Amino acid sequence: MKKKRWIRFLVALLLIGLTQVSPQLVEAETLTELCTTDKNDARCQNFKKLTETKANLDDINKNLDSYAEELTLYQQSMVAMQEEITQKESGIEALNESITKSQEEIQVLDEKVTVKKDEVAKQMVRSQSTMRVNNYFEFLFDSRDFADIIRRIEAVNIIQRANREVVNEYHEALNELNTKHTQLETDQATLIQEKETLEKDYESASIAKENIGVIVKELMVQKESLMIEEETINSKVAIDEQKFQGVTPGNATPAPSGGRLSRPLATGYWVSAGVWSYPWGGTHLGVDLAPVNGNVGMNLLAPGNGIVVGTHGGCPTWGSYGSRCNGGYGNYMNMIVSDGVTSYGILYAHLMSGSFTVPAGTVVQTGDVVGRVGSSGSSTGPHVHAEAYNLGNISIQEAYSRWNGSNTFSTGSASSNGLNHRCSVSGVPCRENPQEIWNYQYGASY
C-alpha cells in the first residue's frame, strides 16, 4: 500500500511540474504575428515572399548608398584634380613667360657685350692714335725713355684689363642666365609631367565613376521591379490578413457616423488634425485620422456605394515630413460614392504600401475594405488623410464619366486655391468639410 501511495505521489508531482513548465500556446491576433513566429504556416506564403522581397530591397538600398558614397568621393577627387590641373597649367604658362623673358634678357646682354667690345676696339684705336703708333711693337720700342715705356705698358695693361672685365662680365652673366634658363625649363618639364599624371588619374576616376553609374542604373531597374513586386505582394498579404481576421476582402462592416457618409475607419482611432488648417498653422484641406495604437495596417473602408476612380502607389509605407512622393500624398486613392442624392469624390492618402485591395474601376459597397492605413509620403506617423468633394446631385455614373481619372476633382490644392473651392464659398464641384460629412470632432477618439 505504501508503495502505491508513493507512486501516486510521484505521478502527481510530475503532473504538477509538467503543468508549471509546459509553455502556454498564445494564439496570434494578426497574420504578421503568426508568420513572425511560424514562417512555415501555409497561410504565410505571401508574407514570406514579402519578407524576402523587402530583404532584397534593403540589400539594394545599402548597395545604392555605398555606391552613392563612392560617387561622391570620386566627384570630390575629380574636382580637386581638375583644380590642381588648372594650377599646373597656370604654372606652365607662367614658366613659358619666364623662359621667353630669359631669352630676351640673354639677347639684350649679347647686344650690350657687342657694344662694349666695339667701345674697347675704338678705345684701342684712339690710344694708338694718341701715342702715334701703328702696332704693338712700335707701341713699345718706339719709346723715348724708360718712363715712356712704363707709361705705354700701363696703357696696354689698362686696355687688357678692360677687355678681361668685359669678357668676364659676359661669361658670368651668360652663365647665370643659362643656369636660370635651364632651371626654368626643368621646372616646366616637371609641371608638364605632373599635369600629365593628373590627367591620367582624372581619366581613370572618370571611367570608374562612369562604371559605377552603370551599376547604379542596373540597381535602380532592379529596385523599381522589386518595388512593384513588393506592392503586388503587399496587396496579397493585405487580403491574407483580412481572411485571417475573418473579414471577406472587399466586404467589411460599415462604420456609421451620423453624418452624410459612413466613416473611413471602424474604431480605435482619433482625429489628429482638423480641416482647413493645422493646429500649428498652415492649410489643411482634409481630416487626419490616426490609429490609437500608433501602428500601420488598420483597414480603410468605403464611405458609401460607388466606384474606385484611381489608385496611386509606389511609395514606401514609412515616409517622412516633406517627402514629395506622389506630391506628398504618398500612396493614395480616389473614389466616387453617393449618399443616395449627392455624389461625392473621396480622397484617402498616406496608405500602406501595396495595400490597395481594389483596383481602379471596381464597384464598392459601403464598408468595403479598400486599403490600409500607412504613413507614406509627407507624414510623421500612421494616419489617413481624408478629403471629401461635393460633385452635385448627379448619379455615380454621370459623376464617374465626368471625373474619371481626376485627383482633386478640379478643386485646387493646399498650395493652389484649394480654400477658395470650399462649398461654403463656391459652387459644385467644391470641397466639403469632412468633419461635417463624417460627424468628427478634432481631438476626439472613435
Protein backbone atom coordinates (compact mmCIF):
# COMPACT_ATOMS: atom_id res chain seq x y z
CA MET A 1 0.00 0.00 0.00
CA LYS A 2 2.79 2.36 0.93
CA LYS A 3 4.47 1.65 -2.40
CA LYS A 4 1.29 2.53 -4.34
CA ARG A 5 0.91 5.75 -2.35
CA TRP A 6 4.47 6.76 -3.20
CA ILE A 7 3.84 6.05 -6.88
CA ARG A 8 0.66 8.15 -6.85
CA PHE A 9 2.52 10.95 -5.06
CA LEU A 10 5.35 10.93 -7.62
CA VAL A 11 2.89 10.93 -10.54
CA ALA A 12 1.05 13.90 -9.00
CA LEU A 13 4.32 15.80 -8.58
CA LEU A 14 5.27 15.01 -12.16
CA LEU A 15 1.94 16.26 -13.48
CA ILE A 16 2.22 19.45 -11.42
CA GLY A 17 5.76 20.02 -12.73
CA LEU A 18 4.71 19.48 -16.32
CA THR A 19 1.84 21.88 -15.86
CA GLN A 20 4.17 24.53 -14.50
CA VAL A 21 6.94 24.21 -17.09
CA SER A 22 4.92 23.47 -20.21
CA PRO A 23 4.76 26.55 -22.43
CA GLN A 24 1.39 28.12 -22.98
CA LEU A 25 0.49 28.49 -26.62
CA VAL A 26 -0.58 32.07 -27.33
CA GLU A 27 -2.87 32.39 -30.31
CA ALA A 28 -1.70 35.03 -32.78
CA GLU A 29 -4.02 38.01 -33.17
CA THR A 30 -2.70 39.02 -36.59
CA LEU A 31 -1.22 37.27 -39.58
CA THR A 32 2.01 39.21 -39.02
CA GLU A 33 2.33 37.78 -35.50
CA LEU A 34 1.64 34.27 -36.78
CA CYS A 35 4.13 34.47 -39.65
CA THR A 36 6.80 36.05 -37.47
CA THR A 37 6.76 33.00 -35.19
CA ASP A 38 5.87 30.32 -37.74
CA LYS A 39 7.02 31.11 -41.28
CA ASN A 40 6.19 27.59 -42.45
CA ASP A 41 2.47 28.02 -41.87
CA ALA A 42 0.61 27.57 -45.17
CA ARG A 43 -1.05 30.97 -44.70
CA CYS A 44 2.34 32.70 -44.65
CA GLN A 45 3.49 32.07 -48.23
CA ASN A 46 2.83 35.63 -49.38
CA PHE A 47 4.19 37.03 -46.11
CA LYS A 48 7.38 35.00 -46.61
CA LYS A 49 7.74 36.28 -50.19
CA LEU A 50 7.15 39.82 -48.95
CA THR A 51 9.85 39.43 -46.30
CA GLU A 52 12.31 38.14 -48.91
CA THR A 53 11.43 40.96 -51.31
CA LYS A 54 11.93 43.56 -48.58
CA ALA A 55 15.28 41.98 -47.67
CA ASN A 56 16.35 42.18 -51.32
CA LEU A 57 15.22 45.82 -51.43
CA ASP A 58 17.21 46.55 -48.27
CA ASP A 59 20.31 44.99 -49.84
CA ILE A 60 19.86 47.05 -53.00
CA ASN A 61 19.34 50.23 -50.96
CA LYS A 62 22.51 49.50 -48.97
CA ASN A 63 24.44 48.97 -52.20
CA LEU A 64 22.99 52.17 -53.64
CA ASP A 65 24.01 54.07 -50.51
CA SER A 66 27.51 52.61 -50.73
CA TYR A 67 27.84 53.47 -54.42
CA ALA A 68 26.46 56.94 -53.73
CA GLU A 69 29.29 57.47 -51.22
CA GLU A 70 31.82 56.21 -53.78
CA LEU A 71 30.41 58.51 -56.45
CA THR A 72 30.64 61.44 -54.06
CA LEU A 73 34.27 60.61 -53.26
CA TYR A 74 35.13 60.26 -56.95
CA GLN A 75 33.37 63.52 -57.72
CA GLN A 76 35.21 65.35 -54.95
CA SER A 77 38.52 63.79 -56.06
CA MET A 78 37.91 64.76 -59.69
CA VAL A 79 37.05 68.34 -58.72
CA ALA A 80 40.27 68.55 -56.67
CA MET A 81 42.31 67.06 -59.54
CA GLN A 82 40.76 69.46 -62.04
CA GLU A 83 41.65 72.39 -59.80
CA GLU A 84 45.22 71.08 -59.49
CA ILE A 85 45.45 70.58 -63.27
CA THR A 86 44.32 74.17 -63.74
CA GLN A 87 47.00 75.31 -61.28
CA LYS A 88 49.64 73.29 -63.16
CA GLU A 89 48.53 74.83 -66.45
CA SER A 90 48.80 78.29 -64.91
CA GLY A 91 52.27 77.40 -63.62
CA ILE A 92 53.36 76.12 -67.04
CA GLU A 93 52.07 79.28 -68.68
CA ALA A 94 53.92 81.43 -66.12
CA LEU A 95 57.14 79.48 -66.76
CA ASN A 96 56.70 79.93 -70.51
CA GLU A 97 56.56 83.67 -69.93
CA SER A 98 59.65 83.48 -67.69
CA ILE A 99 61.56 81.43 -70.29
CA THR A 100 60.64 83.93 -73.01
CA LYS A 101 61.75 86.76 -70.75
CA SER A 102 65.02 84.93 -70.02
CA GLN A 103 65.71 84.54 -73.74
CA GLU A 104 65.06 88.23 -74.22
CA GLU A 105 67.47 89.07 -71.39
CA ILE A 106 70.19 86.90 -73.00
CA GLN A 107 69.65 88.67 -76.30
CA VAL A 108 69.86 92.09 -74.61
CA LEU A 109 73.08 91.05 -72.85
CA ASP A 110 74.57 89.85 -76.14
CA GLU A 111 73.82 93.23 -77.64
CA LYS A 112 75.39 95.01 -74.65
CA VAL A 113 78.55 92.86 -74.93
CA THR A 114 78.81 93.62 -78.63
CA VAL A 115 78.52 97.33 -77.92
CA LYS A 116 81.11 97.01 -75.16
CA LYS A 117 83.56 95.23 -77.49
CA ASP A 118 83.10 97.94 -80.07
CA GLU A 119 83.85 100.55 -77.45
CA VAL A 120 87.06 98.72 -76.40
CA ALA A 121 88.18 98.42 -80.01
CA LYS A 122 87.56 102.11 -80.56
CA GLN A 123 89.45 102.88 -77.38
CA MET A 124 92.46 100.89 -78.68
CA VAL A 125 92.37 102.84 -81.91
CA ARG A 126 92.16 106.10 -80.03
CA SER A 127 95.08 105.06 -77.78
CA GLN A 128 97.27 104.16 -80.73
CA SER A 129 96.38 107.38 -82.48
CA THR A 130 97.19 109.40 -79.38
CA MET A 131 100.55 107.69 -78.94
CA ARG A 132 101.25 107.86 -82.71
CA VAL A 133 101.97 104.15 -83.21
CA ASN A 134 100.52 101.64 -85.64
CA ASN A 135 101.24 98.35 -83.90
CA TYR A 136 102.10 96.87 -80.56
CA PHE A 137 105.87 96.61 -81.27
CA GLU A 138 106.07 100.20 -82.31
CA PHE A 139 104.00 100.96 -79.27
CA LEU A 140 106.75 99.54 -77.01
CA PHE A 141 110.03 100.03 -78.85
CA ASP A 142 109.35 103.48 -80.08
CA SER A 143 109.54 104.76 -76.52
CA ARG A 144 111.73 107.77 -75.89
CA ASP A 145 112.90 106.64 -72.49
CA PHE A 146 112.19 104.15 -69.70
CA ALA A 147 109.45 106.30 -68.21
CA ASP A 148 107.77 106.38 -71.59
CA ILE A 149 107.97 102.55 -71.73
CA ILE A 150 106.36 102.28 -68.30
CA ARG A 151 103.64 104.67 -69.35
CA ARG A 152 102.98 102.72 -72.53
CA ILE A 153 102.94 99.33 -70.73
CA GLU A 154 100.48 100.76 -68.21
CA ALA A 155 98.27 101.87 -71.08
CA VAL A 156 98.40 98.35 -72.54
CA ASN A 157 97.53 96.84 -69.16
CA ILE A 158 94.56 99.18 -68.82
CA ILE A 159 93.24 98.09 -72.20
CA GLN A 160 93.82 94.39 -71.41
CA ARG A 161 92.11 94.68 -68.04
CA ALA A 162 89.17 96.37 -69.72
CA ASN A 163 88.96 93.54 -72.23
CA ARG A 164 89.17 90.89 -69.49
CA GLU A 165 86.48 92.64 -67.46
CA VAL A 166 84.19 92.72 -70.47
CA VAL A 167 84.82 89.03 -71.21
CA ASN A 168 84.38 88.02 -67.56
CA GLU A 169 81.21 90.08 -67.26
CA TYR A 170 79.91 88.45 -70.42
CA HIS A 171 80.67 84.90 -69.21
CA GLU A 172 79.29 85.45 -65.72
CA ALA A 173 76.08 86.99 -66.97
CA LEU A 174 75.73 84.34 -69.66
CA ASN A 175 76.32 81.50 -67.18
CA GLU A 176 73.80 83.00 -64.77
CA LEU A 177 71.19 83.40 -67.47
CA ASN A 178 71.83 79.92 -68.87
CA THR A 179 71.52 78.42 -65.38
CA LYS A 180 68.28 80.31 -64.82
CA HIS A 181 67.02 79.31 -68.25
CA THR A 182 67.87 75.64 -67.66
CA GLN A 183 66.12 75.68 -64.26
CA LEU A 184 63.04 77.23 -65.80
CA GLU A 185 62.93 74.53 -68.48
CA THR A 186 63.41 71.83 -65.80
CA ASP A 187 60.59 73.27 -63.70
CA GLN A 188 58.41 73.44 -66.78
CA ALA A 189 59.14 69.80 -67.69
CA THR A 190 58.30 68.75 -64.10
CA LEU A 191 54.98 70.60 -64.19
CA ILE A 192 54.11 69.11 -67.57
CA GLN A 193 54.83 65.60 -66.25
CA GLU A 194 52.77 66.23 -63.10
CA LYS A 195 49.93 67.60 -65.23
CA GLU A 196 50.00 64.53 -67.49
CA THR A 197 49.91 62.25 -64.41
CA LEU A 198 46.94 64.16 -63.01
CA GLU A 199 45.14 63.95 -66.35
CA LYS A 200 45.63 60.17 -66.40
CA ASP A 201 44.35 59.90 -62.82
CA TYR A 202 41.39 62.10 -63.75
CA GLU A 203 40.59 59.90 -66.73
CA SER A 204 40.80 56.75 -64.56
CA ALA A 205 38.49 58.31 -61.96
CA SER A 206 36.08 59.36 -64.71
CA ILE A 207 35.97 55.81 -66.09
CA ALA A 208 35.45 54.36 -62.59
CA LYS A 209 32.68 56.87 -61.94
CA GLU A 210 31.03 56.00 -65.24
CA ASN A 211 31.21 52.27 -64.42
CA ILE A 212 29.59 52.88 -61.03
CA GLY A 213 26.90 54.91 -62.78
CA VAL A 214 26.12 51.91 -64.99
CA ILE A 215 25.88 49.65 -61.92
CA VAL A 216 23.63 52.18 -60.16
CA LYS A 217 21.30 52.30 -63.18
CA GLU A 218 21.07 48.50 -63.16
CA LEU A 219 20.36 48.52 -59.42
CA MET A 220 17.68 51.18 -59.88
CA VAL A 221 15.98 48.99 -62.51
CA GLN A 222 16.10 46.06 -60.08
CA LYS A 223 14.80 48.28 -57.27
CA GLU A 224 11.89 49.52 -59.37
CA SER A 225 11.00 45.95 -60.30
CA LEU A 226 11.19 44.84 -56.65
CA MET A 227 9.06 47.80 -55.52
CA ILE A 228 6.36 46.80 -58.00
CA GLU A 229 6.67 43.22 -56.78
CA GLU A 230 6.51 44.42 -53.17
CA GLU A 231 3.34 46.38 -53.85
CA THR A 232 1.73 43.38 -55.55
CA ILE A 233 2.67 41.00 -52.72
CA ASN A 234 1.61 43.61 -50.15
CA SER A 235 -1.86 43.57 -51.65
CA LYS A 236 -1.94 39.79 -51.36
CA VAL A 237 -0.73 39.96 -47.75
CA ALA A 238 -3.43 42.55 -47.01
CA ILE A 239 -6.04 40.15 -48.34
CA ASP A 240 -4.45 37.28 -46.37
CA GLU A 241 -4.63 39.43 -43.24
CA GLN A 242 -8.31 40.15 -43.83
CA LYS A 243 -9.00 36.45 -44.30
CA PHE A 244 -7.05 35.73 -41.10
CA GLN A 245 -9.21 38.29 -39.28
CA GLY A 246 -12.33 36.62 -40.68
CA VAL A 247 -13.13 39.56 -42.95
CA THR A 248 -14.07 38.83 -46.54
CA PRO A 249 -11.87 41.05 -48.72
CA GLY A 250 -13.86 43.96 -50.08
CA ASN A 251 -16.78 43.35 -47.72
CA ALA A 252 -16.41 44.64 -44.15
CA THR A 253 -18.87 46.10 -41.67
CA PRO A 254 -19.82 49.75 -42.37
CA ALA A 255 -18.87 52.36 -39.78
CA PRO A 256 -21.95 54.59 -39.26
CA SER A 257 -21.19 58.22 -38.49
CA GLY A 258 -24.43 60.07 -38.03
CA GLY A 259 -23.19 62.26 -40.88
CA ARG A 260 -23.86 62.05 -44.58
CA LEU A 261 -21.40 59.22 -45.26
CA SER A 262 -20.09 56.17 -43.42
CA ARG A 263 -16.75 56.70 -41.66
CA PRO A 264 -13.41 55.67 -43.22
CA LEU A 265 -12.31 53.64 -40.16
CA ALA A 266 -14.21 51.33 -37.84
CA THR A 267 -12.82 52.00 -34.36
CA GLY A 268 -9.63 52.55 -32.37
CA TYR A 269 -8.54 55.91 -33.81
CA TRP A 270 -8.67 59.64 -33.10
CA VAL A 271 -8.86 62.89 -35.09
CA SER A 272 -5.25 64.10 -35.03
CA ALA A 273 -5.76 67.14 -37.31
CA GLY A 274 -8.92 69.02 -38.24
CA VAL A 275 -9.97 70.61 -41.50
CA TRP A 276 -8.88 73.84 -43.24
CA SER A 277 -5.82 74.46 -41.04
CA TYR A 278 -3.32 72.62 -38.86
CA PRO A 279 -3.23 73.42 -35.11
CA TRP A 280 0.31 74.76 -35.61
CA GLY A 281 -0.60 76.72 -38.76
CA GLY A 282 -0.77 76.01 -42.48
CA THR A 283 -3.57 74.97 -44.83
CA HIS A 284 -5.10 71.52 -44.31
CA LEU A 285 -7.87 70.56 -46.71
CA GLY A 286 -8.84 67.25 -45.10
CA VAL A 287 -9.16 65.50 -41.77
CA ASP A 288 -6.43 63.24 -40.32
CA LEU A 289 -7.44 60.00 -38.59
CA ALA A 290 -4.68 58.25 -36.62
CA PRO A 291 -4.81 54.76 -35.04
CA VAL A 292 -4.65 54.98 -31.25
CA ASN A 293 -2.05 52.17 -31.12
CA GLY A 294 0.23 54.11 -33.49
CA ASN A 295 0.53 51.19 -35.93
CA VAL A 296 0.02 50.90 -39.66
CA GLY A 297 -2.34 48.35 -41.18
CA MET A 298 -5.81 49.40 -39.98
CA ASN A 299 -8.48 48.65 -42.59
CA LEU A 300 -9.79 51.58 -44.65
CA LEU A 301 -13.46 51.38 -45.57
CA ALA A 302 -15.51 52.71 -48.46
CA PRO A 303 -17.72 55.52 -47.05
CA GLY A 304 -20.57 54.76 -49.44
CA ASN A 305 -21.71 52.83 -52.50
CA GLY A 306 -19.68 53.85 -55.53
CA ILE A 307 -16.66 53.18 -57.70
CA VAL A 308 -12.88 53.48 -57.38
CA VAL A 309 -11.58 56.24 -59.65
CA GLY A 310 -7.85 55.62 -59.24
CA THR A 311 -5.09 54.13 -57.07
CA HIS A 312 -1.63 55.66 -56.91
CA GLY A 313 1.16 53.64 -55.27
CA GLY A 314 4.92 53.34 -55.49
CA CYS A 315 5.77 54.99 -52.15
CA PRO A 316 7.25 53.16 -49.14
CA THR A 317 4.90 52.62 -46.20
CA TRP A 318 7.00 54.88 -43.98
CA GLY A 319 7.54 58.33 -45.42
CA SER A 320 8.85 61.48 -43.76
CA TYR A 321 7.81 65.09 -43.32
CA GLY A 322 8.39 66.99 -46.56
CA SER A 323 8.50 63.88 -48.78
CA ARG A 324 7.25 64.64 -52.29
CA CYS A 325 6.36 61.04 -53.18
CA ASN A 326 3.15 61.35 -55.22
CA GLY A 327 3.04 65.05 -54.42
CA GLY A 328 3.30 64.38 -50.68
CA TYR A 329 0.14 62.23 -50.59
CA GLY A 330 2.18 59.02 -50.61
CA ASN A 331 0.07 56.05 -51.65
CA TYR A 332 -3.44 57.38 -52.23
CA MET A 333 -6.75 56.50 -53.86
CA ASN A 334 -9.83 58.30 -55.17
CA MET A 335 -13.44 57.14 -55.15
CA ILE A 336 -16.85 58.46 -56.15
CA VAL A 337 -19.63 57.45 -53.76
CA SER A 338 -23.20 58.53 -53.16
CA ASP A 339 -25.47 59.14 -50.17
CA GLY A 340 -28.47 58.42 -52.38
CA VAL A 341 -28.85 62.01 -53.57
CA THR A 342 -25.45 63.64 -53.90
CA SER A 343 -22.30 62.17 -55.43
CA TYR A 344 -19.07 62.77 -53.53
CA GLY A 345 -15.45 62.49 -54.51
CA ILE A 346 -13.31 60.88 -51.80
CA LEU A 347 -9.53 61.00 -51.33
CA TYR A 348 -7.65 58.69 -48.93
CA ALA A 349 -3.91 59.47 -48.61
CA HIS A 350 -0.77 58.09 -46.88
CA LEU A 351 -1.82 54.44 -47.31
CA MET A 352 0.36 51.45 -46.56
CA SER A 353 2.50 50.32 -49.49
CA GLY A 354 0.72 47.75 -51.67
CA SER A 355 -2.42 47.80 -49.51
CA PHE A 356 -4.97 48.65 -52.22
CA THR A 357 -7.46 45.79 -52.18
CA VAL A 358 -9.48 47.06 -55.13
CA PRO A 359 -8.14 48.41 -58.45
CA ALA A 360 -9.45 51.43 -60.34
CA GLY A 361 -12.86 50.81 -61.89
CA THR A 362 -14.02 48.48 -59.10
CA VAL A 363 -17.57 48.96 -57.82
CA VAL A 364 -17.59 49.14 -54.00
CA GLN A 365 -20.26 48.96 -51.34
CA THR A 366 -20.43 50.90 -48.09
CA GLY A 367 -17.94 49.39 -45.61
CA ASP A 368 -15.88 47.50 -48.20
CA VAL A 369 -12.19 47.27 -47.28
CA VAL A 370 -10.34 49.30 -49.92
CA GLY A 371 -6.88 49.66 -48.35
CA ARG A 372 -4.91 50.00 -45.12
CA VAL A 373 -3.64 52.92 -43.06
CA GLY A 374 0.04 53.73 -43.59
CA SER A 375 2.47 56.62 -43.16
CA SER A 376 3.64 57.13 -46.74
CA GLY A 377 4.54 60.42 -48.39
CA SER A 378 4.83 63.58 -46.29
CA SER A 379 3.84 62.02 -42.98
CA THR A 380 5.14 61.95 -39.42
CA GLY A 381 3.18 58.90 -38.28
CA PRO A 382 0.47 56.37 -39.23
CA HIS A 383 -2.78 58.06 -40.26
CA VAL A 384 -5.16 58.51 -43.16
CA HIS A 385 -5.76 61.93 -44.65
CA ALA A 386 -9.36 62.03 -45.93
CA GLU A 387 -10.93 64.67 -48.17
CA ALA A 388 -14.49 64.93 -49.49
CA TYR A 389 -15.75 66.77 -52.59
CA ASN A 390 -19.35 67.61 -53.45
CA LEU A 391 -19.85 66.74 -57.14
CA GLY A 392 -23.52 67.74 -57.23
CA ASN A 393 -26.85 65.95 -57.21
CA ILE A 394 -25.95 63.64 -60.05
CA SER A 395 -25.69 59.88 -60.41
CA ILE A 396 -22.49 57.98 -59.74
CA GLN A 397 -22.36 57.00 -63.42
CA GLU A 398 -22.57 60.63 -64.55
CA ALA A 399 -20.01 61.72 -61.95
CA TYR A 400 -17.67 58.90 -62.97
CA SER A 401 -17.88 59.74 -66.67
CA ARG A 402 -17.16 63.39 -65.85
CA TRP A 403 -14.45 62.99 -63.21
CA ASN A 404 -12.78 59.66 -64.05
CA GLY A 405 -9.02 60.00 -63.51
CA SER A 406 -9.27 63.23 -61.52
CA ASN A 407 -7.38 63.50 -58.23
CA THR A 408 -8.96 66.51 -56.54
CA PHE A 409 -11.96 66.92 -58.88
CA SER A 410 -10.86 70.38 -60.09
CA THR A 411 -10.99 71.92 -56.61
CA GLY A 412 -7.38 73.07 -56.33
CA SER A 413 -4.90 72.03 -53.67
CA ALA A 414 -3.41 73.28 -50.41
CA SER A 415 -0.89 75.35 -52.35
CA SER A 416 -3.20 76.26 -55.24
CA ASN A 417 -6.50 77.95 -54.42
CA GLY A 418 -7.94 74.98 -52.51
CA LEU A 419 -9.57 77.06 -49.76
CA ASN A 420 -11.44 79.12 -52.37
CA HIS A 421 -13.19 75.94 -53.53
CA ARG A 422 -14.88 75.23 -50.19
CA CYS A 423 -18.59 74.59 -50.58
CA SER A 424 -19.29 77.48 -48.20
CA VAL A 425 -17.82 79.94 -50.73
CA SER A 426 -18.07 78.12 -54.07
CA GLY A 427 -20.48 76.14 -56.19
CA VAL A 428 -20.03 72.50 -57.17
CA PRO A 429 -17.66 70.87 -57.59
CA CYS A 430 -16.47 72.05 -54.21
CA ARG A 431 -14.70 70.89 -51.07
CA GLU A 432 -16.94 69.66 -48.28
CA ASN A 433 -15.98 69.96 -44.62
CA PRO A 434 -15.02 66.32 -43.88
CA GLN A 435 -15.69 66.81 -40.16
CA GLU A 436 -19.33 67.55 -41.05
CA ILE A 437 -19.51 64.79 -43.67
CA TRP A 438 -18.39 62.19 -41.09
CA ASN A 439 -19.51 63.96 -37.91
CA TYR A 440 -16.00 64.25 -36.42
CA GLN A 441 -14.64 66.48 -33.66
CA TYR A 442 -10.98 67.45 -33.62
CA GLY A 443 -9.09 65.61 -30.85
CA ALA A 444 -11.90 63.11 -30.21
CA SER A 445 -11.42 59.33 -30.26
CA TYR A 446 -13.68 56.87 -32.08
